[in-house]
């Protein structure tokens, strides 16, 4: 299940990185701890998956416990964290044995 979730997060990250410059203009980057504190306090979100992007950044998917909200963030090697995308109604895709993603 984690492999499917991580794969979905990385695919989403790849698609979302194309929109990152637009999002970066709207939402400033800051320290990771501040981002996690805000998302935890305001939306009850916590990290559920992560991966290493080709640009050296660490992509993290955060999800609320009740799965009503989610946020995708990237933390760059310099320590700055930027939101990439956010939304509602997160749903994990079930693993089907023998299927290819």
Protein backbone atom coordinates (compact mmCIF):
# COMPACT_ATOMS: atom_id res chain seq x y z
CA UNK A 1 0.00 0.00 0.00
CA UNK A 2 2.83 2.39 0.85
CA UNK A 3 4.42 1.69 -2.53
CA UNK A 4 1.22 2.67 -4.34
CA UNK A 5 0.81 5.77 -2.20
CA UNK A 6 4.42 6.79 -2.76
CA UNK A 7 4.09 6.17 -6.50
CA UNK A 8 0.94 8.27 -6.64
CA UNK A 9 2.62 11.04 -4.66
CA UNK A 10 5.64 11.07 -6.95
CA UNK A 11 3.49 11.15 -10.08
CA UNK A 12 1.46 13.97 -8.57
CA UNK A 13 4.65 15.77 -7.61
CA UNK A 14 5.98 15.51 -11.14
CA UNK A 15 2.80 17.02 -12.52
CA UNK A 16 2.63 19.64 -9.80
CA UNK A 17 6.23 20.75 -10.22
CA UNK A 18 5.27 22.24 -13.56
CA UNK A 19 2.92 24.57 -11.65
CA UNK A 20 5.38 25.25 -8.82
CA UNK A 21 6.49 28.70 -10.06
CA UNK A 22 2.88 29.93 -10.02
CA UNK A 23 2.23 28.48 -6.55
CA UNK A 24 5.54 29.84 -5.28
CA UNK A 25 4.41 33.36 -6.15
CA UNK A 26 1.19 32.91 -4.17
CA UNK A 27 2.60 31.05 -1.16
CA UNK A 28 6.04 31.93 0.19
CA UNK A 29 8.51 29.25 1.18
CA UNK A 30 9.60 29.01 4.79
CA UNK A 31 11.16 26.60 7.29
CA UNK A 32 9.78 23.04 7.26
CA UNK A 33 8.89 23.07 10.96
CA UNK A 34 6.72 26.17 10.47
CA UNK A 35 4.89 24.57 7.53
CA UNK A 36 4.28 21.33 9.43
CA UNK A 37 3.09 23.25 12.50
CA UNK A 38 0.61 25.29 10.45
CA UNK A 39 -0.75 22.27 8.53
CA UNK A 40 -1.03 20.23 11.71
CA UNK A 41 -2.76 22.99 13.64
CA UNK A 42 -5.10 24.26 10.93
CA UNK A 43 -5.93 21.03 9.06
CA UNK A 44 -4.75 18.18 11.36
CA UNK A 45 -2.42 17.04 8.55
CA UNK A 46 0.65 14.87 9.05
CA UNK A 47 3.17 13.34 6.63
CA UNK A 48 2.06 10.00 5.12
CA UNK A 49 4.53 9.56 2.22
CA UNK A 50 7.78 11.03 0.95
CA UNK A 51 10.25 10.74 -1.90
CA UNK A 52 13.36 12.33 -3.36
CA UNK A 53 12.82 14.57 -6.39
CA UNK A 54 15.31 14.81 -9.26
CA UNK A 55 16.19 18.37 -8.21
CA UNK A 56 17.38 17.16 -4.77
CA UNK A 57 14.25 18.24 -2.93
CA UNK A 58 12.28 15.99 -0.63
CA UNK A 59 8.61 15.71 -1.61
CA UNK A 60 6.15 14.99 1.21
CA UNK A 61 2.47 14.23 1.09
CA UNK A 62 0.50 15.25 4.17
CA UNK A 63 -3.00 14.01 4.84
CA UNK A 64 -5.56 14.78 7.51
CA UNK A 65 -6.68 11.88 9.71
CA UNK A 66 -10.19 11.98 8.30
CA UNK A 67 -8.79 12.33 4.76
CA UNK A 68 -10.70 15.51 4.06
CA UNK A 69 -7.59 17.54 3.16
CA UNK A 70 -4.11 16.90 1.76
CA UNK A 71 -1.03 18.98 0.97
CA UNK A 72 2.04 18.27 -1.16
CA UNK A 73 5.22 20.09 -0.11
CA UNK A 74 8.84 20.13 -1.22
CA UNK A 75 11.81 20.81 1.03
CA UNK A 76 14.89 21.94 -0.88
CA UNK A 77 18.49 21.15 0.12
CA UNK A 78 18.81 24.66 1.60
CA UNK A 79 16.05 23.73 4.10
CA UNK A 80 13.31 25.91 2.67
CA UNK A 81 9.90 24.24 2.31
CA UNK A 82 7.36 25.25 -0.33
CA UNK A 83 3.78 24.09 -0.82
CA UNK A 84 3.25 22.57 -4.27
CA UNK A 85 -0.42 21.63 -4.22
CA UNK A 86 -3.31 21.11 -1.81
CA UNK A 87 -6.80 19.75 -2.05
CA UNK A 88 -9.66 17.82 -0.55
CA UNK A 89 -11.08 14.30 -0.53
CA UNK A 90 -7.86 12.29 -0.55
CA UNK A 91 -8.36 8.65 -1.43
CA UNK A 92 -5.75 5.89 -1.48
CA UNK A 93 -5.74 3.57 -4.47
CA UNK A 94 -5.96 -0.13 -3.52
CA UNK A 95 -3.13 -2.41 -4.56
CA UNK A 96 -4.23 -5.01 -7.13
CA UNK A 97 -1.88 -7.99 -7.28
CA UNK A 98 -0.31 -8.39 -10.70
CA UNK A 99 -1.33 -4.94 -11.96
CA UNK A 100 1.07 -2.37 -13.34
CA UNK A 101 0.86 1.27 -12.43
